[in-house]
Amino acid sequence: MFVKKIVNQKLRRISPKELLKYAKNYQINLTEPQAEKIATIFHQQPNLDVYDVQQRSKLLKTISERVGPSTAAQLEQLFVKLTSSS
């Protein structure tokens, strides 16, 4: 439970620069403008919970619409890795 809270809290406050760093670590192709859009989307979700499948699906749909389906698919794979390990 504690790890989940920290992960969700981090995503709600992540900066585009941090997001780019994580994307690089996980081999996700992300440009600076995409990172800015995604960070803004995360910041607009005060109750963000990537462990909740329905919320994650809604979040990824928004990312797909605003940033692109390829990026959303890559983030989905990352979320699945993160949420299944904790």
PDB file of N, CA and C in Angstrom:
ATOM      1  N   MET A   1       0.832  -1.197   0.000  1.00  0.00           N
ATOM      2  CA  MET A   1       0.000   0.000   0.000  1.00  0.00           C
ATOM      3  C   MET A   1       0.872   1.256   0.000  1.00  0.00           C
ATOM      4  N   PHE A   2       1.924   1.243   0.798  1.00  0.00           N
ATOM      5  CA  PHE A   2       2.813   2.400   0.908  1.00  0.00           C
ATOM      6  C   PHE A   2       3.479   2.712  -0.428  1.00  0.00           C
ATOM      7  N   VAL A   3       3.959   1.683  -1.117  1.00  0.00           N
ATOM      8  CA  VAL A   3       4.628   1.880  -2.405  1.00  0.00           C
ATOM      9  C   VAL A   3       3.643   2.454  -3.427  1.00  0.00           C
ATOM     10  N   LYS A   4       2.423   1.943  -3.421  1.00  0.00           N
ATOM     11  CA  LYS A   4       1.403   2.441  -4.345  1.00  0.00           C
ATOM     12  C   LYS A   4       1.165   3.931  -4.140  1.00  0.00           C
ATOM     13  N   LYS A   5       1.079   4.317  -2.882  1.00  0.00           N
ATOM     14  CA  LYS A   5       0.836   5.728  -2.558  1.00  0.00           C
ATOM     15  C   LYS A   5       1.977   6.603  -3.064  1.00  0.00           C
ATOM     16  N   ILE A   6       3.192   6.146  -2.872  1.00  0.00           N
ATOM     17  CA  ILE A   6       4.365   6.912  -3.309  1.00  0.00           C
ATOM     18  C   ILE A   6       4.409   7.024  -4.836  1.00  0.00           C
ATOM     19  N   VAL A   7       4.142   5.924  -5.532  1.00  0.00           N
ATOM     20  CA  VAL A   7       4.164   5.939  -7.001  1.00  0.00           C
ATOM     21  C   VAL A   7       3.128   6.921  -7.536  1.00  0.00           C
ATOM     22  N   ASN A   8       1.902   6.821  -7.026  1.00  0.00           N
ATOM     23  CA  ASN A   8       0.843   7.719  -7.491  1.00  0.00           C
ATOM     24  C   ASN A   8       1.149   9.177  -7.165  1.00  0.00           C
ATOM     25  N   GLN A   9       1.681   9.412  -5.974  1.00  0.00           N
ATOM     26  CA  GLN A   9       2.026  10.777  -5.563  1.00  0.00           C
ATOM     27  C   GLN A   9       3.123  11.337  -6.470  1.00  0.00           C
ATOM     28  N   LYS A  10       4.101  10.511  -6.794  1.00  0.00           N
ATOM     29  CA  LYS A  10       5.198  10.947  -7.662  1.00  0.00           C
ATOM     30  C   LYS A  10       4.672  11.317  -9.051  1.00  0.00           C
ATOM     31  N   LEU A  11       3.773  10.495  -9.587  1.00  0.00           N
ATOM     32  CA  LEU A  11       3.230  10.786 -10.911  1.00  0.00           C
ATOM     33  C   LEU A  11       2.431  12.084 -10.927  1.00  0.00           C
ATOM     34  N   ARG A  12       1.709  12.346  -9.847  1.00  0.00           N
ATOM     35  CA  ARG A  12       0.907  13.576  -9.786  1.00  0.00           C
ATOM     36  C   ARG A  12       1.780  14.825  -9.739  1.00  0.00           C
ATOM     37  N   ARG A  13       3.043  14.671  -9.367  1.00  0.00           N
ATOM     38  CA  ARG A  13       3.939  15.827  -9.218  1.00  0.00           C
ATOM     39  C   ARG A  13       5.138  15.809 -10.153  1.00  0.00           C
ATOM     40  N   ILE A  14       5.200  14.837 -11.035  1.00  0.00           N
ATOM     41  CA  ILE A  14       6.391  14.669 -11.873  1.00  0.00           C
ATOM     42  C   ILE A  14       6.574  15.857 -12.824  1.00  0.00           C
ATOM     43  N   SER A  15       7.821  16.216 -13.026  1.00  0.00           N
ATOM     44  CA  SER A  15       8.141  17.288 -13.971  1.00  0.00           C
ATOM     45  C   SER A  15       8.414  16.657 -15.340  1.00  0.00           C
ATOM     46  N   PRO A  16       8.288  17.441 -16.395  1.00  0.00           N
ATOM     47  CA  PRO A  16       8.610  16.909 -17.725  1.00  0.00           C
ATOM     48  C   PRO A  16      10.049  16.384 -17.800  1.00  0.00           C
ATOM     49  N   LYS A  17      10.966  17.069 -17.139  1.00  0.00           N
ATOM     50  CA  LYS A  17      12.367  16.651 -17.152  1.00  0.00           C
ATOM     51  C   LYS A  17      12.530  15.272 -16.489  1.00  0.00           C
ATOM     52  N   GLU A  18      11.859  15.073 -15.350  1.00  0.00           N
ATOM     53  CA  GLU A  18      11.910  13.778 -14.671  1.00  0.00           C
ATOM     54  C   GLU A  18      11.273  12.696 -15.538  1.00  0.00           C
ATOM     55  N   LEU A  19      10.178  13.040 -16.168  1.00  0.00           N
ATOM     56  CA  LEU A  19       9.486  12.086 -17.026  1.00  0.00           C
ATOM     57  C   LEU A  19      10.377  11.653 -18.186  1.00  0.00           C
ATOM     58  N   LEU A  20      11.100  12.580 -18.753  1.00  0.00           N
ATOM     59  CA  LEU A  20      12.044  12.245 -19.827  1.00  0.00           C
ATOM     60  C   LEU A  20      13.137  11.304 -19.327  1.00  0.00           C
ATOM     61  N   LYS A  21      13.604  11.540 -18.110  1.00  0.00           N
ATOM     62  CA  LYS A  21      14.643  10.678 -17.520  1.00  0.00           C
ATOM     63  C   LYS A  21      14.116   9.253 -17.348  1.00  0.00           C
ATOM     64  N   TYR A  22      12.917   9.121 -16.801  1.00  0.00           N
ATOM     65  CA  TYR A  22      12.334   7.792 -16.618  1.00  0.00           C
ATOM     66  C   TYR A  22      12.066   7.122 -17.957  1.00  0.00           C
ATOM     67  N   ALA A  23      11.589   7.891 -18.917  1.00  0.00           N
ATOM     68  CA  ALA A  23      11.312   7.339 -20.241  1.00  0.00           C
ATOM     69  C   ALA A  23      12.589   6.753 -20.847  1.00  0.00           C
ATOM     70  N   LYS A  24      13.683   7.466 -20.696  1.00  0.00           N
ATOM     71  CA  LYS A  24      14.957   6.985 -21.222  1.00  0.00           C
ATOM     72  C   LYS A  24      15.369   5.695 -20.521  1.00  0.00           C
ATOM     73  N   ASN A  25      15.207   5.646 -19.208  1.00  0.00           N
ATOM     74  CA  ASN A  25      15.570   4.445 -18.439  1.00  0.00           C
ATOM     75  C   ASN A  25      14.771   3.218 -18.855  1.00  0.00           C
ATOM     76  N   TYR A  26      13.533   3.432 -19.289  1.00  0.00           N
ATOM     77  CA  TYR A  26      12.655   2.325 -19.666  1.00  0.00           C
ATOM     78  C   TYR A  26      12.484   2.204 -21.183  1.00  0.00           C
ATOM     79  N   GLN A  27      13.395   2.806 -21.937  1.00  0.00           N
ATOM     80  CA  GLN A  27      13.398   2.746 -23.400  1.00  0.00           C
ATOM     81  C   GLN A  27      12.056   3.164 -24.017  1.00  0.00           C
ATOM     82  N   ILE A  28      11.495   4.252 -23.511  1.00  0.00           N
ATOM     83  CA  ILE A  28      10.270   4.816 -24.079  1.00  0.00           C
ATOM     84  C   ILE A  28      10.664   6.070 -24.844  1.00  0.00           C
ATOM     85  N   ASN A  29      10.300   6.106 -26.116  1.00  0.00           N
ATOM     86  CA  ASN A  29      10.616   7.265 -26.952  1.00  0.00           C
ATOM     87  C   ASN A  29       9.666   8.404 -26.601  1.00  0.00           C
ATOM     88  N   LEU A  30      10.237   9.471 -26.070  1.00  0.00           N
ATOM     89  CA  LEU A  30       9.427  10.598 -25.622  1.00  0.00           C
ATOM     90  C   LEU A  30      10.160  11.893 -25.938  1.00  0.00           C
ATOM     91  N   THR A  31       9.453  12.826 -26.544  1.00  0.00           N
ATOM     92  CA  THR A  31      10.033  14.129 -26.828  1.00  0.00           C
ATOM     93  C   THR A  31       9.707  15.070 -25.666  1.00  0.00           C
ATOM     94  N   GLU A  32      10.375  16.193 -25.638  1.00  0.00           N
ATOM     95  CA  GLU A  32      10.111  17.169 -24.589  1.00  0.00           C
ATOM     96  C   GLU A  32       8.659  17.680 -24.625  1.00  0.00           C
ATOM     97  N   PRO A  33       8.124  18.030 -25.805  1.00  0.00           N
ATOM     98  CA  PRO A  33       6.716  18.467 -25.831  1.00  0.00           C
ATOM     99  C   PRO A  33       5.749  17.373 -25.357  1.00  0.00           C
ATOM    100  N   GLN A  34       6.036  16.118 -25.704  1.00  0.00           N
ATOM    101  CA  GLN A  34       5.192  15.015 -25.236  1.00  0.00           C
ATOM    102  C   GLN A  34       5.268  14.887 -23.716  1.00  0.00           C
ATOM    103  N   ALA A  35       6.466  15.000 -23.174  1.00  0.00           N
ATOM    104  CA  ALA A  35       6.646  14.902 -21.725  1.00  0.00           C
ATOM    105  C   ALA A  35       5.888  16.020 -21.012  1.00  0.00           C
ATOM    106  N   GLU A  36       5.909  17.211 -21.594  1.00  0.00           N
ATOM    107  CA  GLU A  36       5.169  18.336 -21.004  1.00  0.00           C
ATOM    108  C   GLU A  36       3.671  18.062 -20.990  1.00  0.00           C
ATOM    109  N   LYS A  37       3.152  17.523 -22.095  1.00  0.00           N
ATOM    110  CA  LYS A  37       1.722  17.214 -22.174  1.00  0.00           C
ATOM    111  C   LYS A  37       1.341  16.120 -21.172  1.00  0.00           C
ATOM    112  N   ILE A  38       2.165  15.082 -21.099  1.00  0.00           N
ATOM    113  CA  ILE A  38       1.875  13.971 -20.192  1.00  0.00           C
ATOM    114  C   ILE A  38       1.938  14.425 -18.739  1.00  0.00           C
ATOM    115  N   ALA A  39       2.953  15.212 -18.393  1.00  0.00           N
ATOM    116  CA  ALA A  39       3.063  15.721 -17.022  1.00  0.00           C
ATOM    117  C   ALA A  39       1.833  16.561 -16.674  1.00  0.00           C
ATOM    118  N   THR A  40       1.383  17.372 -17.608  1.00  0.00           N
ATOM    119  CA  THR A  40       0.181  18.184 -17.385  1.00  0.00           C
ATOM    120  C   THR A  40      -1.036  17.293 -17.152  1.00  0.00           C
ATOM    121  N   ILE A  41      -1.150  16.236 -17.938  1.00  0.00           N
ATOM    122  CA  ILE A  41      -2.265  15.294 -17.760  1.00  0.00           C
ATOM    123  C   ILE A  41      -2.206  14.677 -16.366  1.00  0.00           C
ATOM    124  N   PHE A  42      -1.025  14.254 -15.946  1.00  0.00           N
ATOM    125  CA  PHE A  42      -0.872  13.673 -14.603  1.00  0.00           C
ATOM    126  C   PHE A  42      -1.256  14.689 -13.535  1.00  0.00           C
ATOM    127  N   HIS A  43      -0.816  15.927 -13.688  1.00  0.00           N
ATOM    128  CA  HIS A  43      -1.086  16.973 -12.693  1.00  0.00           C
ATOM    129  C   HIS A  43      -2.573  17.282 -12.590  1.00  0.00           C
ATOM    130  N   GLN A  44      -3.309  17.060 -13.664  1.00  0.00           N
ATOM    131  CA  GLN A  44      -4.748  17.341 -13.678  1.00  0.00           C
ATOM    132  C   GLN A  44      -5.570  16.223 -13.044  1.00  0.00           C
ATOM    133  N   GLN A  45      -4.905  15.187 -12.561  1.00  0.00           N
ATOM    134  CA  GLN A  45      -5.585  14.036 -11.957  1.00  0.00           C
ATOM    135  C   GLN A  45      -5.319  14.017 -10.453  1.00  0.00           C
ATOM    136  N   PRO A  46      -6.095  14.754  -9.655  1.00  0.00           N
ATOM    137  CA  PRO A  46      -5.808  14.838  -8.217  1.00  0.00           C
ATOM    138  C   PRO A  46      -5.923  13.504  -7.483  1.00  0.00           C
ATOM    139  N   ASN A  47      -6.701  12.578  -8.017  1.00  0.00           N
ATOM    140  CA  ASN A  47      -6.856  11.268  -7.377  1.00  0.00           C
ATOM    141  C   ASN A  47      -6.268  10.154  -8.234  1.00  0.00           C
ATOM    142  N   LEU A  48      -5.216  10.473  -8.961  1.00  0.00           N
ATOM    143  CA  LEU A  48      -4.581   9.518  -9.857  1.00  0.00           C
ATOM    144  C   LEU A  48      -4.183   8.246  -9.123  1.00  0.00           C
ATOM    145  N   ASP A  49      -4.591   7.098  -9.690  1.00  0.00           N
ATOM    146  CA  ASP A  49      -4.221   5.799  -9.139  1.00  0.00           C
ATOM    147  C   ASP A  49      -3.962   4.862 -10.312  1.00  0.00           C
ATOM    148  N   VAL A  50      -2.689   4.711 -10.689  1.00  0.00           N
ATOM    149  CA  VAL A  50      -2.351   3.859 -11.829  1.00  0.00           C
ATOM    150  C   VAL A  50      -2.517   2.377 -11.499  1.00  0.00           C
ATOM    151  N   TYR A  51      -2.779   2.060 -10.251  1.00  0.00           N
ATOM    152  CA  TYR A  51      -3.031   0.670  -9.862  1.00  0.00           C
ATOM    153  C   TYR A  51      -4.488   0.286 -10.097  1.00  0.00           C
ATOM    154  N   ASP A  52      -5.347   1.265 -10.257  1.00  0.00           N
ATOM    155  CA  ASP A  52      -6.755   1.032 -10.554  1.00  0.00           C
ATOM    156  C   ASP A  52      -6.892   0.895 -12.069  1.00  0.00           C
ATOM    157  N   VAL A  53      -7.286  -0.278 -12.526  1.00  0.00           N
ATOM    158  CA  VAL A  53      -7.321  -0.574 -13.955  1.00  0.00           C
ATOM    159  C   VAL A  53      -8.218   0.399 -14.719  1.00  0.00           C
ATOM    160  N   GLN A  54      -9.369   0.741 -14.172  1.00  0.00           N
ATOM    161  CA  GLN A  54     -10.282   1.662 -14.860  1.00  0.00           C
ATOM    162  C   GLN A  54      -9.689   3.058 -14.962  1.00  0.00           C
ATOM    163  N   GLN A  55      -9.090   3.549 -13.871  1.00  0.00           N
ATOM    164  CA  GLN A  55      -8.467   4.875 -13.916  1.00  0.00           C
ATOM    165  C   GLN A  55      -7.294   4.888 -14.886  1.00  0.00           C
ATOM    166  N   ARG A  56      -6.500   3.823 -14.848  1.00  0.00           N
ATOM    167  CA  ARG A  56      -5.340   3.745 -15.740  1.00  0.00           C
ATOM    168  C   ARG A  56      -5.799   3.735 -17.190  1.00  0.00           C
ATOM    169  N   SER A  57      -6.853   3.002 -17.482  1.00  0.00           N
ATOM    170  CA  SER A  57      -7.388   2.940 -18.843  1.00  0.00           C
ATOM    171  C   SER A  57      -7.861   4.319 -19.308  1.00  0.00           C
ATOM    172  N   LYS A  58      -8.567   5.026 -18.449  1.00  0.00           N
ATOM    173  CA  LYS A  58      -9.047   6.377 -18.774  1.00  0.00           C
ATOM    174  C   LYS A  58      -7.868   7.333 -18.998  1.00  0.00           C
ATOM    175  N   LEU A  59      -6.867   7.231 -18.132  1.00  0.00           N
ATOM    176  CA  LEU A  59      -5.666   8.061 -18.242  1.00  0.00           C
ATOM    177  C   LEU A  59      -4.955   7.793 -19.565  1.00  0.00           C
ATOM    178  N   LEU A  60      -4.794   6.522 -19.907  1.00  0.00           N
ATOM    179  CA  LEU A  60      -4.107   6.166 -21.145  1.00  0.00           C
ATOM    180  C   LEU A  60      -4.900   6.598 -22.379  1.00  0.00           C
ATOM    181  N   LYS A  61      -6.217   6.580 -22.285  1.00  0.00           N
ATOM    182  CA  LYS A  61      -7.046   7.065 -23.391  1.00  0.00           C
ATOM    183  C   LYS A  61      -6.799   8.557 -23.610  1.00  0.00           C
ATOM    184  N   THR A  62      -6.726   9.312 -22.521  1.00  0.00           N
ATOM    185  CA  THR A  62      -6.445  10.747 -22.608  1.00  0.00           C
ATOM    186  C   THR A  62      -5.067  10.986 -23.212  1.00  0.00           C
ATOM    187  N   ILE A  63      -4.076  10.226 -22.755  1.00  0.00           N
ATOM    188  CA  ILE A  63      -2.713  10.361 -23.288  1.00  0.00           C
ATOM    189  C   ILE A  63      -2.701  10.006 -24.775  1.00  0.00           C
ATOM    190  N   SER A  64      -3.423   8.973 -25.145  1.00  0.00           N
ATOM    191  CA  SER A  64      -3.497   8.563 -26.545  1.00  0.00           C
ATOM    192  C   SER A  64      -4.071   9.681 -27.409  1.00  0.00           C
ATOM    193  N   GLU A  65      -5.124  10.333 -26.915  1.00  0.00           N
ATOM    194  CA  GLU A  65      -5.765  11.414 -27.668  1.00  0.00           C
ATOM    195  C   GLU A  65      -4.880  12.647 -27.777  1.00  0.00           C
ATOM    196  N   ARG A  66      -4.176  12.982 -26.712  1.00  0.00           N
ATOM    197  CA  ARG A  66      -3.402  14.236 -26.692  1.00  0.00           C
ATOM    198  C   ARG A  66      -1.958  14.088 -27.143  1.00  0.00           C
ATOM    199  N   VAL A  67      -1.391  12.886 -26.966  1.00  0.00           N
ATOM    200  CA  VAL A  67       0.028  12.708 -27.269  1.00  0.00           C
ATOM    201  C   VAL A  67       0.242  11.708 -28.405  1.00  0.00           C
ATOM    202  N   GLY A  68      -0.588  10.676 -28.442  1.00  0.00           N
ATOM    203  CA  GLY A  68      -0.479   9.678 -29.506  1.00  0.00           C
ATOM    204  C   GLY A  68      -0.630   8.270 -28.966  1.00  0.00           C
ATOM    205  N   PRO A  69      -1.216   7.390 -29.777  1.00  0.00           N
ATOM    206  CA  PRO A  69      -1.468   6.025 -29.335  1.00  0.00           C
ATOM    207  C   PRO A  69      -0.198   5.210 -29.084  1.00  0.00           C
ATOM    208  N   SER A  70       0.834   5.467 -29.851  1.00  0.00           N
ATOM    209  CA  SER A  70       2.093   4.731 -29.667  1.00  0.00           C
ATOM    210  C   SER A  70       2.701   5.026 -28.297  1.00  0.00           C
ATOM    211  N   THR A  71       2.721   6.287 -27.923  1.00  0.00           N
ATOM    212  CA  THR A  71       3.258   6.692 -26.623  1.00  0.00           C
ATOM    213  C   THR A  71       2.393   6.125 -25.506  1.00  0.00           C
ATOM    214  N   ALA A  72       1.089   6.182 -25.666  1.00  0.00           N
ATOM    215  CA  ALA A  72       0.179   5.638 -24.655  1.00  0.00           C
ATOM    216  C   ALA A  72       0.410   4.143 -24.478  1.00  0.00           C
ATOM    217  N   ALA A  73       0.631   3.432 -25.572  1.00  0.00           N
ATOM    218  CA  ALA A  73       0.871   1.984 -25.498  1.00  0.00           C
ATOM    219  C   ALA A  73       2.171   1.683 -24.748  1.00  0.00           C
ATOM    220  N   GLN A  74       3.193   2.481 -24.992  1.00  0.00           N
ATOM    221  CA  GLN A  74       4.461   2.292 -24.287  1.00  0.00           C
ATOM    222  C   GLN A  74       4.301   2.563 -22.789  1.00  0.00           C
ATOM    223  N   LEU A  75       3.566   3.620 -22.457  1.00  0.00           N
ATOM    224  CA  LEU A  75       3.322   3.938 -21.050  1.00  0.00           C
ATOM    225  C   LEU A  75       2.483   2.850 -20.383  1.00  0.00           C
ATOM    226  N   GLU A  76       1.557   2.285 -21.130  1.00  0.00           N
ATOM    227  CA  GLU A  76       0.738   1.199 -20.575  1.00  0.00           C
ATOM    228  C   GLU A  76       1.622   0.017 -20.175  1.00  0.00           C
ATOM    229  N   GLN A  77       2.562  -0.324 -21.035  1.00  0.00           N
ATOM    230  CA  GLN A  77       3.482  -1.422 -20.715  1.00  0.00           C
ATOM    231  C   GLN A  77       4.286  -1.107 -19.456  1.00  0.00           C
ATOM    232  N   LEU A  78       4.726   0.143 -19.337  1.00  0.00           N
ATOM    233  CA  LEU A  78       5.476   0.552 -18.151  1.00  0.00           C
ATOM    234  C   LEU A  78       4.599   0.476 -16.904  1.00  0.00           C
ATOM    235  N   PHE A  79       3.372   0.971 -16.987  1.00  0.00           N
ATOM    236  CA  PHE A  79       2.458   0.920 -15.839  1.00  0.00           C
ATOM    237  C   PHE A  79       2.202  -0.516 -15.415  1.00  0.00           C
ATOM    238  N   VAL A  80       2.042  -1.408 -16.380  1.00  0.00           N
ATOM    239  CA  VAL A  80       1.797  -2.812 -16.048  1.00  0.00           C
ATOM    240  C   VAL A  80       3.008  -3.394 -15.312  1.00  0.00           C
ATOM    241  N   LYS A  81       4.208  -3.077 -15.784  1.00  0.00           N
ATOM    242  CA  LYS A  81       5.423  -3.544 -15.094  1.00  0.00           C
ATOM    243  C   LYS A  81       5.481  -3.003 -13.665  1.00  0.00           C
ATOM    244  N   LEU A  82       5.233  -1.706 -13.530  1.00  0.00           N
ATOM    245  CA  LEU A  82       5.328  -1.084 -12.208  1.00  0.00           C
ATOM    246  C   LEU A  82       4.265  -1.603 -11.244  1.00  0.00           C
ATOM    247  N   THR A  83       3.054  -1.754 -11.726  1.00  0.00           N
ATOM    248  CA  THR A  83       1.963  -2.134 -10.842  1.00  0.00           C
ATOM    249  C   THR A  83       1.953  -3.612 -10.511  1.00  0.00           C
ATOM    250  N   SER A  84       2.568  -4.424 -11.342  1.00  0.00           N
ATOM    251  CA  SER A  84       2.596  -5.859 -11.050  1.00  0.00           C
ATOM    252  C   SER A  84       3.739  -6.223 -10.108  1.00  0.00           C
ATOM    253  N   SER A  85       4.717  -5.343  -9.978  1.00  0.00           N
ATOM    254  CA  SER A  85       5.878  -5.642  -9.128  1.00  0.00           C
ATOM    255  C   SER A  85       5.702  -5.137  -7.697  1.00  0.00           C
ATOM    256  N   SER A  86       4.639  -4.384  -7.440  1.00  0.00           N
ATOM    257  CA  SER A  86       4.471  -3.867  -6.073  1.00  0.00           C
ATOM    258  C   SER A  86       3.112  -4.204  -5.510  1.00  0.00           C
TER     259      SER A  86
END
